[in-house]
Amino acid sequence: KEPLWRDLVGAVLRRERLAQERTLKDVADA
């Protein structure tokens, strides 16, 4: 089964946010 595009994009967003040590609130506000 191939992964869903929304799962892949979401994982990239989370990985990038965590690599920058930023919070959900910080990124959501920006």
All heavy atoms as atom14 arrays in JSON, in Angstrom:
{
  "sequence": "KEPLWRDLVGAVLRRERLAQERTLKDVADA",
  "atom14_mask": [
    [1, 1, 1, 1, 1, 1, 1, 1, 1, 0, 0, 0, 0, 0],
    [1, 1, 1, 1, 1, 1, 1, 1, 1, 0, 0, 0, 0, 0],
    [1, 1, 1, 1, 1, 1, 1, 0, 0, 0, 0, 0, 0, 0],
    [1, 1, 1, 1, 1, 1, 1, 1, 0, 0, 0, 0, 0, 0],
    [1, 1, 1, 1, 1, 1, 1, 1, 1, 1, 1, 1, 1, 1],
    [1, 1, 1, 1, 1, 1, 1, 1, 1, 1, 1, 0, 0, 0],
    [1, 1, 1, 1, 1, 1, 1, 1, 0, 0, 0, 0, 0, 0],
    [1, 1, 1, 1, 1, 1, 1, 1, 0, 0, 0, 0, 0, 0],
    [1, 1, 1, 1, 1, 1, 1, 0, 0, 0, 0, 0, 0, 0],
    [1, 1, 1, 1, 0, 0, 0, 0, 0, 0, 0, 0, 0, 0],
    [1, 1, 1, 1, 1, 0, 0, 0, 0, 0, 0, 0, 0, 0],
    [1, 1, 1, 1, 1, 1, 1, 0, 0, 0, 0, 0, 0, 0],
    [1, 1, 1, 1, 1, 1, 1, 1, 0, 0, 0, 0, 0, 0],
    [1, 1, 1, 1, 1, 1, 1, 1, 1, 1, 1, 0, 0, 0],
    [1, 1, 1, 1, 1, 1, 1, 1, 1, 1, 1, 0, 0, 0],
    [1, 1, 1, 1, 1, 1, 1, 1, 1, 0, 0, 0, 0, 0],
    [1, 1, 1, 1, 1, 1, 1, 1, 1, 1, 1, 0, 0, 0],
    [1, 1, 1, 1, 1, 1, 1, 1, 0, 0, 0, 0, 0, 0],
    [1, 1, 1, 1, 1, 0, 0, 0, 0, 0, 0, 0, 0, 0],
    [1, 1, 1, 1, 1, 1, 1, 1, 1, 0, 0, 0, 0, 0],
    [1, 1, 1, 1, 1, 1, 1, 1, 1, 0, 0, 0, 0, 0],
    [1, 1, 1, 1, 1, 1, 1, 1, 1, 1, 1, 0, 0, 0],
    [1, 1, 1, 1, 1, 1, 1, 0, 0, 0, 0, 0, 0, 0],
    [1, 1, 1, 1, 1, 1, 1, 1, 0, 0, 0, 0, 0, 0],
    [1, 1, 1, 1, 1, 1, 1, 1, 1, 0, 0, 0, 0, 0],
    [1, 1, 1, 1, 1, 1, 1, 1, 0, 0, 0, 0, 0, 0],
    [1, 1, 1, 1, 1, 1, 1, 0, 0, 0, 0, 0, 0, 0],
    [1, 1, 1, 1, 1, 0, 0, 0, 0, 0, 0, 0, 0, 0],
    [1, 1, 1, 1, 1, 1, 1, 1, 0, 0, 0, 0, 0, 0],
    [1, 1, 1, 1, 1, 0, 0, 0, 0, 0, 0, 0, 0, 0]
  ],
  "atom14_positions": [
    [[0.84, -1.19, 0.0], [0.0, 0.0, 0.0], [0.89, 1.24, 0.0], [1.77, 1.38, 0.83], [-0.87, -0.02, 1.25], [-2.16, 0.7, 1.11], [-3.02, 0.43, 2.33], [-4.18, 1.38, 2.32], [-5.0, 1.25, 3.5], [0.0, 0.0, 0.0], [0.0, 0.0, 0.0], [0.0, 0.0, 0.0], [0.0, 0.0, 0.0], [0.0, 0.0, 0.0]],
    [[0.63, 2.12, -0.95], [1.39, 3.36, -1.0], [0.83, 4.32, 0.05], [-0.37, 4.34, 0.3], [1.31, 3.99, -2.38], [2.06, 3.19, -3.43], [2.05, 3.86, -4.79], [1.26, 4.8, -5.0], [2.83, 3.43, -5.64], [0.0, 0.0, 0.0], [0.0, 0.0, 0.0], [0.0, 0.0, 0.0], [0.0, 0.0, 0.0], [0.0, 0.0, 0.0]],
    [[1.71, 5.11, 0.65], [1.21, 6.06, 1.65], [0.36, 7.14, 1.01], [0.49, 7.43, -0.17], [2.5, 6.65, 2.25], [3.58, 6.36, 1.27], [3.15, 5.15, 0.49], [0.0, 0.0, 0.0], [0.0, 0.0, 0.0], [0.0, 0.0, 0.0], [0.0, 0.0, 0.0], [0.0, 0.0, 0.0], [0.0, 0.0, 0.0], [0.0, 0.0, 0.0]],
    [[-0.49, 7.72, 1.8], [-1.33, 8.81, 1.33], [-0.51, 10.09, 1.25], [0.38, 10.34, 2.08], [-2.51, 9.02, 2.27], [-3.5, 7.86, 2.38], [-4.55, 8.17, 3.43], [-4.13, 7.58, 1.03], [0.0, 0.0, 0.0], [0.0, 0.0, 0.0], [0.0, 0.0, 0.0], [0.0, 0.0, 0.0], [0.0, 0.0, 0.0], [0.0, 0.0, 0.0]],
    [[-0.82, 10.92, 0.26], [-0.1, 12.18, 0.07], [-0.21, 13.06, 1.31], [0.76, 13.67, 1.74], [-0.65, 12.88, -1.17], [0.12, 14.11, -1.54], [-0.33, 15.39, -1.5], [1.46, 14.18, -2.02], [0.65, 16.25, -1.92], [1.76, 15.53, -2.24], [2.44, 13.23, -2.27], [3.0, 15.96, -2.7], [3.68, 13.66, -2.73], [3.94, 15.01, -2.94]],
    [[-1.4, 13.11, 1.93], [-1.57, 13.97, 3.1], [-0.7, 13.5, 4.26], [-0.22, 14.32, 5.04], [-3.04, 14.06, 3.5], [-3.63, 12.77, 4.03], [-5.06, 12.98, 4.5], [-5.57, 11.76, 5.06], [-6.56, 11.07, 4.54], [-7.17, 11.49, 3.45], [-6.97, 9.96, 5.1], [0.0, 0.0, 0.0], [0.0, 0.0, 0.0], [0.0, 0.0, 0.0]],
    [[-0.47, 12.19, 4.38], [0.43, 11.68, 5.42], [1.86, 12.1, 5.15], [2.6, 12.48, 6.07], [0.36, 10.15, 5.5], [-0.98, 9.65, 6.03], [-1.61, 10.37, 6.84], [-1.39, 8.55, 5.64], [0.0, 0.0, 0.0], [0.0, 0.0, 0.0], [0.0, 0.0, 0.0], [0.0, 0.0, 0.0], [0.0, 0.0, 0.0], [0.0, 0.0, 0.0]],
    [[2.27, 12.02, 3.89], [3.64, 12.39, 3.53], [3.9, 13.87, 3.76], [4.91, 14.26, 4.36], [3.91, 12.04, 2.06], [3.91, 10.55, 1.74], [3.79, 10.34, 0.24], [5.14, 9.89, 2.29], [0.0, 0.0, 0.0], [0.0, 0.0, 0.0], [0.0, 0.0, 0.0], [0.0, 0.0, 0.0], [0.0, 0.0, 0.0], [0.0, 0.0, 0.0]],
    [[2.98, 14.71, 3.29], [3.15, 16.16, 3.44], [3.12, 16.53, 4.92], [3.94, 17.34, 5.39], [2.06, 16.92, 2.65], [2.08, 18.41, 2.96], [2.26, 16.7, 1.15], [0.0, 0.0, 0.0], [0.0, 0.0, 0.0], [0.0, 0.0, 0.0], [0.0, 0.0, 0.0], [0.0, 0.0, 0.0], [0.0, 0.0, 0.0], [0.0, 0.0, 0.0]],
    [[2.21, 15.95, 5.67], [2.14, 16.23, 7.1], [3.41, 15.82, 7.83], [3.9, 16.55, 8.7], [0.0, 0.0, 0.0], [0.0, 0.0, 0.0], [0.0, 0.0, 0.0], [0.0, 0.0, 0.0], [0.0, 0.0, 0.0], [0.0, 0.0, 0.0], [0.0, 0.0, 0.0], [0.0, 0.0, 0.0], [0.0, 0.0, 0.0], [0.0, 0.0, 0.0]],
    [[3.97, 14.68, 7.45], [5.21, 14.22, 8.08], [6.36, 15.17, 7.77], [7.2, 15.44, 8.64], [5.54, 12.8, 7.61], [0.0, 0.0, 0.0], [0.0, 0.0, 0.0], [0.0, 0.0, 0.0], [0.0, 0.0, 0.0], [0.0, 0.0, 0.0], [0.0, 0.0, 0.0], [0.0, 0.0, 0.0], [0.0, 0.0, 0.0], [0.0, 0.0, 0.0]],
    [[6.41, 15.68, 6.55], [7.47, 16.64, 6.19], [7.31, 17.92, 7.01], [8.29, 18.44, 7.56], [7.46, 16.95, 4.68], [8.38, 18.11, 4.35], [7.86, 15.71, 3.89], [0.0, 0.0, 0.0], [0.0, 0.0, 0.0], [0.0, 0.0, 0.0], [0.0, 0.0, 0.0], [0.0, 0.0, 0.0], [0.0, 0.0, 0.0], [0.0, 0.0, 0.0]],
    [[6.09, 18.42, 7.11], [5.86, 19.63, 7.9], [6.3, 19.43, 9.35], [6.99, 20.28, 9.93], [4.39, 20.05, 7.84], [3.9, 20.64, 6.52], [2.39, 20.82, 6.55], [4.6, 21.96, 6.22], [0.0, 0.0, 0.0], [0.0, 0.0, 0.0], [0.0, 0.0, 0.0], [0.0, 0.0, 0.0], [0.0, 0.0, 0.0], [0.0, 0.0, 0.0]],
    [[5.9, 18.32, 9.93], [6.27, 18.05, 11.33], [7.78, 17.9, 11.47], [8.38, 18.44, 12.39], [5.56, 16.8, 11.84], [6.01, 16.44, 13.27], [5.13, 15.41, 13.88], [3.93, 16.12, 14.31], [2.87, 15.54, 14.86], [2.84, 14.25, 15.01], [1.84, 16.24, 15.23], [0.0, 0.0, 0.0], [0.0, 0.0, 0.0], [0.0, 0.0, 0.0]],
    [[8.4, 17.15, 10.56], [9.85, 16.94, 10.62], [10.6, 18.27, 10.54], [11.52, 18.53, 11.31], [10.28, 16.0, 9.5], [11.73, 15.59, 9.54], [12.05, 14.51, 8.53], [11.85, 15.01, 7.17], [11.19, 14.37, 6.21], [10.64, 13.19, 6.46], [11.06, 14.88, 5.01], [0.0, 0.0, 0.0], [0.0, 0.0, 0.0], [0.0, 0.0, 0.0]],
    [[10.17, 19.13, 9.62], [10.82, 20.43, 9.46], [10.59, 21.31, 10.7], [11.5, 22.0, 11.15], [10.32, 21.14, 8.2], [10.77, 20.45, 6.92], [12.27, 20.42, 6.75], [12.95, 21.44, 7.02], [12.79, 19.37, 6.34], [0.0, 0.0, 0.0], [0.0, 0.0, 0.0], [0.0, 0.0, 0.0], [0.0, 0.0, 0.0], [0.0, 0.0, 0.0]],
    [[9.38, 21.29, 11.23], [9.08, 22.1, 12.42], [9.92, 21.66, 13.61], [10.51, 22.47, 14.32], [7.58, 22.01, 12.76], [7.19, 22.81, 13.99], [5.7, 22.73, 14.28], [5.22, 21.39, 14.52], [5.37, 20.72, 15.68], [6.01, 21.27, 16.69], [4.86, 19.51, 15.81], [0.0, 0.0, 0.0], [0.0, 0.0, 0.0], [0.0, 0.0, 0.0]],
    [[10.0, 20.33, 13.8], [10.78, 19.82, 14.93], [12.27, 20.06, 14.73], [12.99, 20.33, 15.7], [10.49, 18.33, 15.13], [9.06, 18.0, 15.59], [8.85, 16.5, 15.64], [8.75, 18.66, 16.93], [0.0, 0.0, 0.0], [0.0, 0.0, 0.0], [0.0, 0.0, 0.0], [0.0, 0.0, 0.0], [0.0, 0.0, 0.0], [0.0, 0.0, 0.0]],
    [[12.75, 19.98, 13.5], [14.17, 20.24, 13.22], [14.51, 21.69, 13.56], [15.65, 21.99, 13.95], [14.48, 19.96, 11.75], [0.0, 0.0, 0.0], [0.0, 0.0, 0.0], [0.0, 0.0, 0.0], [0.0, 0.0, 0.0], [0.0, 0.0, 0.0], [0.0, 0.0, 0.0], [0.0, 0.0, 0.0], [0.0, 0.0, 0.0], [0.0, 0.0, 0.0]],
    [[13.55, 22.58, 13.43], [13.76, 23.99, 13.77], [13.44, 24.29, 15.23], [13.52, 25.44, 15.67], [12.9, 24.88, 12.85], [13.29, 24.8, 11.4], [12.36, 25.62, 10.52], [11.71, 26.56, 10.95], [12.32, 25.26, 9.24], [0.0, 0.0, 0.0], [0.0, 0.0, 0.0], [0.0, 0.0, 0.0], [0.0, 0.0, 0.0], [0.0, 0.0, 0.0]],
    [[13.03, 23.24, 15.96], [12.68, 23.36, 17.37], [11.61, 24.43, 17.59], [11.7, 25.25, 18.49], [13.92, 23.63, 18.23], [14.94, 22.51, 18.15], [16.19, 22.78, 18.97], [16.34, 23.88, 19.54], [17.03, 21.86, 19.02], [0.0, 0.0, 0.0], [0.0, 0.0, 0.0], [0.0, 0.0, 0.0], [0.0, 0.0, 0.0], [0.0, 0.0, 0.0]],
    [[10.59, 24.39, 16.75], [9.5, 25.35, 16.84], [8.24, 24.65, 17.31], [8.06, 23.45, 17.07], [9.28, 26.03, 15.49], [10.49, 26.9, 15.12], [10.39, 27.5, 13.77], [9.28, 28.47, 13.69], [8.9, 29.02, 12.54], [9.5, 28.71, 11.41], [7.9, 29.87, 12.52], [0.0, 0.0, 0.0], [0.0, 0.0, 0.0], [0.0, 0.0, 0.0]],
    [[7.36, 25.4, 17.93], [6.11, 24.83, 18.43], [5.03, 24.92, 17.35], [5.14, 25.7, 16.39], [5.62, 25.6, 19.67], [5.3, 26.94, 19.29], [6.65, 25.59, 20.78], [0.0, 0.0, 0.0], [0.0, 0.0, 0.0], [0.0, 0.0, 0.0], [0.0, 0.0, 0.0], [0.0, 0.0, 0.0], [0.0, 0.0, 0.0], [0.0, 0.0, 0.0]],
    [[3.99, 24.12, 17.55], [2.83, 24.2, 16.66], [2.26, 25.61, 16.66], [1.93, 26.15, 15.62], [1.74, 23.22, 17.11], [1.82, 21.8, 16.6], [0.84, 20.91, 17.37], [1.54, 21.73, 15.12], [0.0, 0.0, 0.0], [0.0, 0.0, 0.0], [0.0, 0.0, 0.0], [0.0, 0.0, 0.0], [0.0, 0.0, 0.0], [0.0, 0.0, 0.0]],
    [[2.17, 26.2, 17.84], [1.6, 27.55, 17.95], [2.43, 28.56, 17.17], [1.86, 29.4, 16.45], [1.49, 27.97, 19.42], [0.88, 29.36, 19.58], [0.56, 29.66, 21.01], [-0.03, 31.02, 21.25], [-0.47, 31.82, 20.18], [0.0, 0.0, 0.0], [0.0, 0.0, 0.0], [0.0, 0.0, 0.0], [0.0, 0.0, 0.0], [0.0, 0.0, 0.0]],
    [[3.72, 28.48, 17.28], [4.6, 29.42, 16.57], [4.39, 29.32, 15.06], [4.21, 30.33, 14.38], [6.05, 29.11, 16.95], [7.04, 29.98, 16.18], [6.77, 31.18, 15.99], [8.09, 29.43, 15.77], [0.0, 0.0, 0.0], [0.0, 0.0, 0.0], [0.0, 0.0, 0.0], [0.0, 0.0, 0.0], [0.0, 0.0, 0.0], [0.0, 0.0, 0.0]],
    [[4.39, 28.11, 14.54], [4.25, 27.92, 13.09], [2.83, 28.26, 12.65], [2.62, 28.92, 11.61], [4.63, 26.48, 12.68], [4.38, 26.24, 11.2], [6.11, 26.23, 13.01], [0.0, 0.0, 0.0], [0.0, 0.0, 0.0], [0.0, 0.0, 0.0], [0.0, 0.0, 0.0], [0.0, 0.0, 0.0], [0.0, 0.0, 0.0], [0.0, 0.0, 0.0]],
    [[1.84, 27.86, 13.42], [0.44, 28.16, 13.06], [0.21, 29.67, 13.04], [-0.46, 30.19, 12.12], [-0.51, 27.48, 14.04], [0.0, 0.0, 0.0], [0.0, 0.0, 0.0], [0.0, 0.0, 0.0], [0.0, 0.0, 0.0], [0.0, 0.0, 0.0], [0.0, 0.0, 0.0], [0.0, 0.0, 0.0], [0.0, 0.0, 0.0], [0.0, 0.0, 0.0]],
    [[0.75, 30.38, 14.02], [0.6, 31.84, 14.03], [1.27, 32.47, 12.82], [0.71, 33.36, 12.18], [1.19, 32.44, 15.32], [0.35, 32.15, 16.55], [-0.8, 31.69, 16.4], [0.86, 32.36, 17.67], [0.0, 0.0, 0.0], [0.0, 0.0, 0.0], [0.0, 0.0, 0.0], [0.0, 0.0, 0.0], [0.0, 0.0, 0.0], [0.0, 0.0, 0.0]],
    [[2.47, 32.02, 12.48], [3.19, 32.57, 11.33], [2.46, 32.26, 10.02], [2.48, 33.06, 9.08], [4.61, 32.01, 11.28], [0.0, 0.0, 0.0], [0.0, 0.0, 0.0], [0.0, 0.0, 0.0], [0.0, 0.0, 0.0], [0.0, 0.0, 0.0], [0.0, 0.0, 0.0], [0.0, 0.0, 0.0], [0.0, 0.0, 0.0], [0.0, 0.0, 0.0]]
  ]
}
